[in-house]
Amino acid sequence: MKTFISSLLVALSVSASTVALANVDGEKVSGSYQVGMYASSEAAKLNVMVAKEKGTQVSVQLLGENGQVLAIQRLSKHDTSVRTRFDLSELEDGKYTVVVTDGSSKTVKEVNLQTKRPVQPERFISVR
């Protein structure tokens, strides 16, 4: 458990430069939680780590381009740190949104899903 918490703290500190804690208006939030997000080394997996105060209920949602809820993870009031993973492999390329909220504050992060296209080799003909 100590290793997991240490890993969580390291990931949160590393991801602080890439994941802004902001609400829809772009203001800093002063909620009862912190969020770290990073792409997994496994293809099309997104890790979301939340450190929160005990007694606070937090939900993590994955939304589609039209705002439809594709997945939701509700964190227990008893947990203080949780890592959840979203499998994006079955989703179409496009823009998705991860929303983390405790009811009074909200963190919103946009996720771009794009398939790498293989590079087509160019063939040249040379006549001598």
N, C-alpha and C. Protein backbone atom coordinates (compact mmCIF):
# COMPACT_ATOMS: atom_id res chain seq x y z
N MET A 1 0.83 -1.19 0.00
CA MET A 1 0.00 0.00 0.00
C MET A 1 0.88 1.26 0.00
N LYS A 2 1.98 1.22 0.78
CA LYS A 2 2.88 2.38 0.81
C LYS A 2 3.49 2.62 -0.56
N THR A 3 3.82 1.54 -1.28
CA THR A 3 4.39 1.67 -2.61
C THR A 3 3.39 2.33 -3.55
N PHE A 4 2.12 1.92 -3.46
CA PHE A 4 1.09 2.50 -4.32
C PHE A 4 0.92 4.00 -4.03
N ILE A 5 0.89 4.37 -2.76
CA ILE A 5 0.73 5.78 -2.40
C ILE A 5 1.94 6.58 -2.85
N SER A 6 3.14 6.02 -2.68
CA SER A 6 4.35 6.70 -3.15
C SER A 6 4.31 6.89 -4.66
N SER A 7 3.89 5.85 -5.38
CA SER A 7 3.77 5.94 -6.84
C SER A 7 2.75 6.99 -7.22
N LEU A 8 1.65 7.03 -6.50
CA LEU A 8 0.60 8.01 -6.76
C LEU A 8 1.13 9.43 -6.58
N LEU A 9 1.85 9.66 -5.51
CA LEU A 9 2.38 10.99 -5.25
C LEU A 9 3.40 11.41 -6.31
N VAL A 10 4.25 10.48 -6.72
CA VAL A 10 5.23 10.77 -7.77
C VAL A 10 4.50 11.09 -9.08
N ALA A 11 3.52 10.28 -9.43
CA ALA A 11 2.78 10.51 -10.68
C ALA A 11 2.02 11.84 -10.63
N LEU A 12 1.45 12.16 -9.48
CA LEU A 12 0.74 13.44 -9.36
C LEU A 12 1.69 14.61 -9.51
N SER A 13 2.88 14.51 -8.92
CA SER A 13 3.82 15.62 -9.04
C SER A 13 4.36 15.74 -10.45
N VAL A 14 4.59 14.61 -11.13
CA VAL A 14 5.08 14.63 -12.50
C VAL A 14 4.00 15.16 -13.44
N SER A 15 2.76 14.75 -13.22
CA SER A 15 1.69 15.14 -14.13
C SER A 15 1.17 16.55 -13.87
N ALA A 16 1.61 17.18 -12.81
CA ALA A 16 1.12 18.52 -12.49
C ALA A 16 1.41 19.51 -13.61
N SER A 17 2.49 19.28 -14.35
CA SER A 17 2.82 20.20 -15.43
C SER A 17 1.98 19.94 -16.67
N THR A 18 1.40 18.75 -16.80
CA THR A 18 0.63 18.45 -18.00
C THR A 18 -0.87 18.42 -17.77
N VAL A 19 -1.30 18.26 -16.55
CA VAL A 19 -2.73 18.21 -16.25
C VAL A 19 -3.07 19.40 -15.37
N ALA A 20 -3.85 20.32 -15.92
CA ALA A 20 -4.23 21.50 -15.16
C ALA A 20 -5.45 21.20 -14.32
N LEU A 21 -5.42 21.57 -13.06
CA LEU A 21 -6.60 21.46 -12.23
C LEU A 21 -7.44 22.70 -12.49
N ALA A 22 -8.42 22.54 -13.33
CA ALA A 22 -9.21 23.70 -13.74
C ALA A 22 -10.65 23.29 -13.94
N ASN A 23 -11.55 24.23 -13.73
CA ASN A 23 -12.94 23.97 -14.07
C ASN A 23 -13.18 24.43 -15.50
N VAL A 24 -14.42 24.43 -15.93
CA VAL A 24 -14.74 24.75 -17.32
C VAL A 24 -14.25 26.15 -17.69
N ASP A 25 -14.24 27.09 -16.76
CA ASP A 25 -13.81 28.46 -17.04
C ASP A 25 -12.30 28.62 -17.00
N GLY A 26 -11.56 27.57 -16.69
CA GLY A 26 -10.11 27.63 -16.67
C GLY A 26 -9.54 28.16 -15.37
N GLU A 27 -10.36 28.31 -14.32
CA GLU A 27 -9.88 28.79 -13.04
C GLU A 27 -9.36 27.61 -12.22
N LYS A 28 -8.40 27.89 -11.35
CA LYS A 28 -7.89 26.84 -10.46
C LYS A 28 -9.01 26.43 -9.50
N VAL A 29 -9.06 25.13 -9.21
CA VAL A 29 -10.07 24.66 -8.28
C VAL A 29 -9.44 24.45 -6.90
N SER A 30 -10.25 24.59 -5.89
CA SER A 30 -9.76 24.36 -4.54
C SER A 30 -10.57 23.23 -3.92
N GLY A 31 -10.80 22.19 -4.69
CA GLY A 31 -11.61 21.07 -4.24
C GLY A 31 -10.89 20.20 -3.25
N SER A 32 -11.53 19.11 -2.92
CA SER A 32 -11.01 18.20 -1.91
C SER A 32 -10.26 17.04 -2.55
N TYR A 33 -9.76 17.23 -3.77
CA TYR A 33 -9.08 16.15 -4.47
C TYR A 33 -8.00 16.71 -5.40
N GLN A 34 -7.11 15.82 -5.83
CA GLN A 34 -6.11 16.13 -6.84
C GLN A 34 -6.18 15.04 -7.90
N VAL A 35 -5.90 15.41 -9.15
CA VAL A 35 -6.03 14.48 -10.26
C VAL A 35 -4.73 14.41 -11.04
N GLY A 36 -4.36 13.21 -11.44
CA GLY A 36 -3.25 12.99 -12.36
C GLY A 36 -3.73 12.07 -13.46
N MET A 37 -3.39 12.38 -14.71
CA MET A 37 -3.78 11.55 -15.85
C MET A 37 -2.59 11.30 -16.73
N TYR A 38 -2.49 10.08 -17.24
CA TYR A 38 -1.44 9.77 -18.19
C TYR A 38 -1.86 8.57 -19.04
N ALA A 39 -1.32 8.54 -20.26
CA ALA A 39 -1.58 7.41 -21.14
C ALA A 39 -0.74 6.24 -20.67
N SER A 40 -1.33 5.07 -20.68
CA SER A 40 -0.64 3.87 -20.27
C SER A 40 0.31 3.41 -21.36
N SER A 41 1.29 2.61 -20.97
CA SER A 41 2.20 2.03 -21.96
C SER A 41 1.46 1.00 -22.81
N GLU A 42 0.34 0.49 -22.30
CA GLU A 42 -0.51 -0.40 -23.08
C GLU A 42 -1.30 0.45 -24.06
N ALA A 43 -1.52 -0.07 -25.24
CA ALA A 43 -2.22 0.69 -26.28
C ALA A 43 -3.63 1.08 -25.85
N ALA A 44 -3.96 2.33 -26.07
CA ALA A 44 -5.31 2.87 -25.88
C ALA A 44 -5.86 2.73 -24.46
N LYS A 45 -5.01 2.86 -23.48
CA LYS A 45 -5.45 2.84 -22.09
C LYS A 45 -5.12 4.19 -21.46
N LEU A 46 -6.07 4.76 -20.72
CA LEU A 46 -5.87 6.04 -20.05
C LEU A 46 -6.01 5.82 -18.55
N ASN A 47 -4.96 6.17 -17.80
CA ASN A 47 -4.97 6.05 -16.34
C ASN A 47 -5.36 7.38 -15.73
N VAL A 48 -6.27 7.34 -14.77
CA VAL A 48 -6.67 8.52 -14.02
C VAL A 48 -6.46 8.20 -12.55
N MET A 49 -5.63 9.01 -11.89
CA MET A 49 -5.35 8.81 -10.48
C MET A 49 -5.94 9.97 -9.69
N VAL A 50 -6.64 9.65 -8.62
CA VAL A 50 -7.28 10.67 -7.79
C VAL A 50 -6.84 10.47 -6.35
N ALA A 51 -6.34 11.53 -5.74
CA ALA A 51 -6.04 11.56 -4.31
C ALA A 51 -7.06 12.51 -3.70
N LYS A 52 -7.79 12.03 -2.69
CA LYS A 52 -8.87 12.85 -2.13
C LYS A 52 -8.94 12.69 -0.63
N GLU A 53 -9.69 13.59 -0.03
CA GLU A 53 -9.91 13.53 1.42
C GLU A 53 -10.89 12.41 1.73
N LYS A 54 -10.67 11.74 2.85
CA LYS A 54 -11.60 10.71 3.28
C LYS A 54 -12.94 11.35 3.61
N GLY A 55 -14.01 10.70 3.22
CA GLY A 55 -15.34 11.24 3.46
C GLY A 55 -15.91 12.02 2.28
N THR A 56 -15.09 12.25 1.28
CA THR A 56 -15.53 12.98 0.09
C THR A 56 -15.86 11.98 -1.01
N GLN A 57 -17.00 12.18 -1.66
CA GLN A 57 -17.36 11.32 -2.79
C GLN A 57 -16.97 12.02 -4.08
N VAL A 58 -16.24 11.32 -4.93
CA VAL A 58 -15.75 11.88 -6.19
C VAL A 58 -16.16 10.93 -7.31
N SER A 59 -16.51 11.51 -8.46
CA SER A 59 -16.80 10.67 -9.62
C SER A 59 -15.88 11.07 -10.77
N VAL A 60 -15.52 10.08 -11.58
CA VAL A 60 -14.69 10.27 -12.76
C VAL A 60 -15.52 9.80 -13.94
N GLN A 61 -15.73 10.70 -14.92
CA GLN A 61 -16.54 10.37 -16.09
C GLN A 61 -15.73 10.51 -17.37
N LEU A 62 -16.00 9.62 -18.31
CA LEU A 62 -15.45 9.72 -19.66
C LEU A 62 -16.63 10.08 -20.55
N LEU A 63 -16.51 11.24 -21.22
CA LEU A 63 -17.60 11.74 -22.07
C LEU A 63 -17.19 11.70 -23.53
N GLY A 64 -18.17 11.42 -24.40
CA GLY A 64 -17.95 11.45 -25.84
C GLY A 64 -18.01 12.88 -26.36
N GLU A 65 -17.83 13.03 -27.68
CA GLU A 65 -17.80 14.36 -28.30
C GLU A 65 -19.11 15.13 -28.08
N ASN A 66 -20.22 14.42 -28.02
CA ASN A 66 -21.52 15.08 -27.83
C ASN A 66 -21.90 15.21 -26.36
N GLY A 67 -20.99 14.88 -25.46
CA GLY A 67 -21.27 15.00 -24.03
C GLY A 67 -21.92 13.78 -23.42
N GLN A 68 -22.12 12.73 -24.21
CA GLN A 68 -22.74 11.52 -23.66
C GLN A 68 -21.75 10.81 -22.75
N VAL A 69 -22.26 10.26 -21.65
CA VAL A 69 -21.42 9.55 -20.68
C VAL A 69 -21.10 8.17 -21.24
N LEU A 70 -19.82 7.89 -21.47
CA LEU A 70 -19.39 6.59 -21.98
C LEU A 70 -18.99 5.65 -20.85
N ALA A 71 -18.46 6.22 -19.77
CA ALA A 71 -18.06 5.42 -18.61
C ALA A 71 -18.06 6.34 -17.39
N ILE A 72 -18.35 5.75 -16.25
CA ILE A 72 -18.33 6.52 -15.00
C ILE A 72 -17.76 5.63 -13.89
N GLN A 73 -16.92 6.23 -13.07
CA GLN A 73 -16.35 5.53 -11.92
C GLN A 73 -16.61 6.39 -10.70
N ARG A 74 -17.37 5.88 -9.75
CA ARG A 74 -17.64 6.60 -8.51
C ARG A 74 -16.69 6.08 -7.44
N LEU A 75 -15.99 6.99 -6.80
CA LEU A 75 -15.02 6.61 -5.79
C LEU A 75 -15.66 6.62 -4.41
N SER A 76 -15.37 5.63 -3.63
CA SER A 76 -15.94 5.47 -2.31
C SER A 76 -15.51 6.61 -1.38
N LYS A 77 -16.38 6.95 -0.45
CA LYS A 77 -16.05 7.97 0.55
C LYS A 77 -14.89 7.52 1.44
N HIS A 78 -14.68 6.22 1.53
CA HIS A 78 -13.65 5.68 2.42
C HIS A 78 -12.26 5.68 1.79
N ASP A 79 -12.19 5.74 0.46
CA ASP A 79 -10.90 5.73 -0.22
C ASP A 79 -10.23 7.10 -0.14
N THR A 80 -8.91 7.10 -0.11
CA THR A 80 -8.18 8.36 -0.15
C THR A 80 -7.37 8.50 -1.43
N SER A 81 -7.07 7.38 -2.09
CA SER A 81 -6.40 7.44 -3.38
C SER A 81 -6.85 6.25 -4.22
N VAL A 82 -7.14 6.54 -5.48
CA VAL A 82 -7.67 5.53 -6.38
C VAL A 82 -7.08 5.75 -7.76
N ARG A 83 -6.73 4.65 -8.43
CA ARG A 83 -6.34 4.71 -9.83
C ARG A 83 -7.37 3.93 -10.62
N THR A 84 -7.92 4.58 -11.62
CA THR A 84 -8.86 3.90 -12.50
C THR A 84 -8.32 3.96 -13.91
N ARG A 85 -8.69 3.01 -14.71
CA ARG A 85 -8.17 2.91 -16.08
C ARG A 85 -9.34 2.81 -17.04
N PHE A 86 -9.30 3.65 -18.08
CA PHE A 86 -10.29 3.58 -19.14
C PHE A 86 -9.67 2.92 -20.36
N ASP A 87 -10.35 1.93 -20.92
CA ASP A 87 -9.90 1.26 -22.13
C ASP A 87 -10.56 1.97 -23.31
N LEU A 88 -9.75 2.66 -24.11
CA LEU A 88 -10.26 3.45 -25.23
C LEU A 88 -10.13 2.71 -26.56
N SER A 89 -9.73 1.45 -26.53
CA SER A 89 -9.42 0.72 -27.76
C SER A 89 -10.64 0.51 -28.66
N GLU A 90 -11.84 0.48 -28.10
CA GLU A 90 -13.04 0.26 -28.91
C GLU A 90 -13.68 1.56 -29.40
N LEU A 91 -13.10 2.70 -29.01
CA LEU A 91 -13.68 3.99 -29.38
C LEU A 91 -13.14 4.47 -30.72
N GLU A 92 -13.95 5.25 -31.42
CA GLU A 92 -13.54 5.87 -32.68
C GLU A 92 -12.54 6.99 -32.39
N ASP A 93 -11.73 7.33 -33.38
CA ASP A 93 -10.85 8.49 -33.26
C ASP A 93 -11.71 9.73 -33.00
N GLY A 94 -11.20 10.64 -32.19
CA GLY A 94 -11.93 11.87 -31.91
C GLY A 94 -11.52 12.48 -30.59
N LYS A 95 -12.30 13.47 -30.18
CA LYS A 95 -12.04 14.17 -28.92
C LYS A 95 -13.00 13.66 -27.85
N TYR A 96 -12.42 13.37 -26.69
CA TYR A 96 -13.19 12.89 -25.55
C TYR A 96 -12.84 13.78 -24.36
N THR A 97 -13.65 13.71 -23.33
CA THR A 97 -13.44 14.54 -22.16
C THR A 97 -13.49 13.68 -20.90
N VAL A 98 -12.55 13.93 -19.99
CA VAL A 98 -12.57 13.30 -18.68
C VAL A 98 -12.96 14.39 -17.68
N VAL A 99 -14.00 14.12 -16.91
CA VAL A 99 -14.49 15.07 -15.91
C VAL A 99 -14.40 14.42 -14.54
N VAL A 100 -13.71 15.09 -13.62
CA VAL A 100 -13.62 14.63 -12.23
C VAL A 100 -14.29 15.69 -11.38
N THR A 101 -15.24 15.26 -10.55
CA THR A 101 -15.97 16.23 -9.72
C THR A 101 -16.29 15.65 -8.35
N ASP A 102 -16.33 16.54 -7.37
CA ASP A 102 -16.78 16.17 -6.04
C ASP A 102 -18.13 16.83 -5.72
N GLY A 103 -18.75 17.41 -6.72
CA GLY A 103 -20.05 18.06 -6.55
C GLY A 103 -19.94 19.56 -6.44
N SER A 104 -18.84 20.06 -5.86
CA SER A 104 -18.67 21.50 -5.73
C SER A 104 -17.59 22.05 -6.65
N SER A 105 -16.63 21.23 -7.02
CA SER A 105 -15.59 21.66 -7.95
C SER A 105 -15.44 20.60 -9.03
N LYS A 106 -14.86 21.02 -10.16
CA LYS A 106 -14.78 20.14 -11.31
C LYS A 106 -13.44 20.32 -12.01
N THR A 107 -12.83 19.21 -12.42
CA THR A 107 -11.63 19.20 -13.23
C THR A 107 -12.01 18.60 -14.58
N VAL A 108 -11.70 19.33 -15.65
CA VAL A 108 -12.05 18.89 -17.00
C VAL A 108 -10.77 18.78 -17.82
N LYS A 109 -10.58 17.64 -18.48
CA LYS A 109 -9.40 17.43 -19.32
C LYS A 109 -9.83 16.82 -20.64
N GLU A 110 -9.38 17.41 -21.74
CA GLU A 110 -9.70 16.89 -23.07
C GLU A 110 -8.68 15.83 -23.46
N VAL A 111 -9.17 14.77 -24.08
CA VAL A 111 -8.33 13.67 -24.53
C VAL A 111 -8.56 13.51 -26.03
N ASN A 112 -7.47 13.50 -26.80
CA ASN A 112 -7.53 13.28 -28.24
C ASN A 112 -7.16 11.84 -28.52
N LEU A 113 -8.01 11.13 -29.23
CA LEU A 113 -7.73 9.75 -29.60
C LEU A 113 -7.51 9.71 -31.10
N GLN A 114 -6.33 9.27 -31.50
CA GLN A 114 -5.97 9.27 -32.91
C GLN A 114 -5.18 8.00 -33.24
N THR A 115 -5.59 7.33 -34.28
CA THR A 115 -4.91 6.12 -34.72
C THR A 115 -3.71 6.48 -35.57
N LYS A 116 -2.57 5.87 -35.25
CA LYS A 116 -1.38 6.09 -36.07
C LYS A 116 -1.55 5.31 -37.37
N ARG A 117 -1.33 5.98 -38.43
CA ARG A 117 -1.39 5.34 -39.74
C ARG A 117 0.01 4.85 -40.10
N PRO A 118 0.12 3.64 -40.64
CA PRO A 118 1.45 3.17 -41.04
C PRO A 118 1.97 4.00 -42.22
N VAL A 119 3.25 4.24 -42.20
CA VAL A 119 3.87 5.02 -43.27
C VAL A 119 3.98 4.14 -44.51
N GLN A 120 3.46 4.65 -45.61
CA GLN A 120 3.53 3.92 -46.87
C GLN A 120 4.89 4.18 -47.51
N PRO A 121 5.62 3.14 -47.84
CA PRO A 121 6.92 3.37 -48.48
C PRO A 121 6.72 3.92 -49.90
N GLU A 122 7.56 4.86 -50.26
CA GLU A 122 7.51 5.39 -51.61
C GLU A 122 8.43 4.56 -52.49
N ARG A 123 7.98 4.27 -53.69
CA ARG A 123 8.81 3.48 -54.61
C ARG A 123 9.22 4.37 -55.77
N PHE A 124 10.48 4.29 -56.14
CA PHE A 124 11.03 5.06 -57.23
C PHE A 124 11.48 4.11 -58.34
N ILE A 125 11.31 4.56 -59.54
CA ILE A 125 11.80 3.79 -60.69
C ILE A 125 12.96 4.54 -61.30
N SER A 126 14.04 3.83 -61.51
CA SER A 126 15.23 4.42 -62.11
C SER A 126 15.58 3.62 -63.35
N VAL A 127 15.73 4.31 -64.47
CA VAL A 127 16.08 3.65 -65.72
C VAL A 127 17.47 4.10 -66.11
N ARG A 128 18.35 3.15 -66.49
CA ARG A 128 19.71 3.49 -66.89
C ARG A 128 19.95 3.10 -68.31
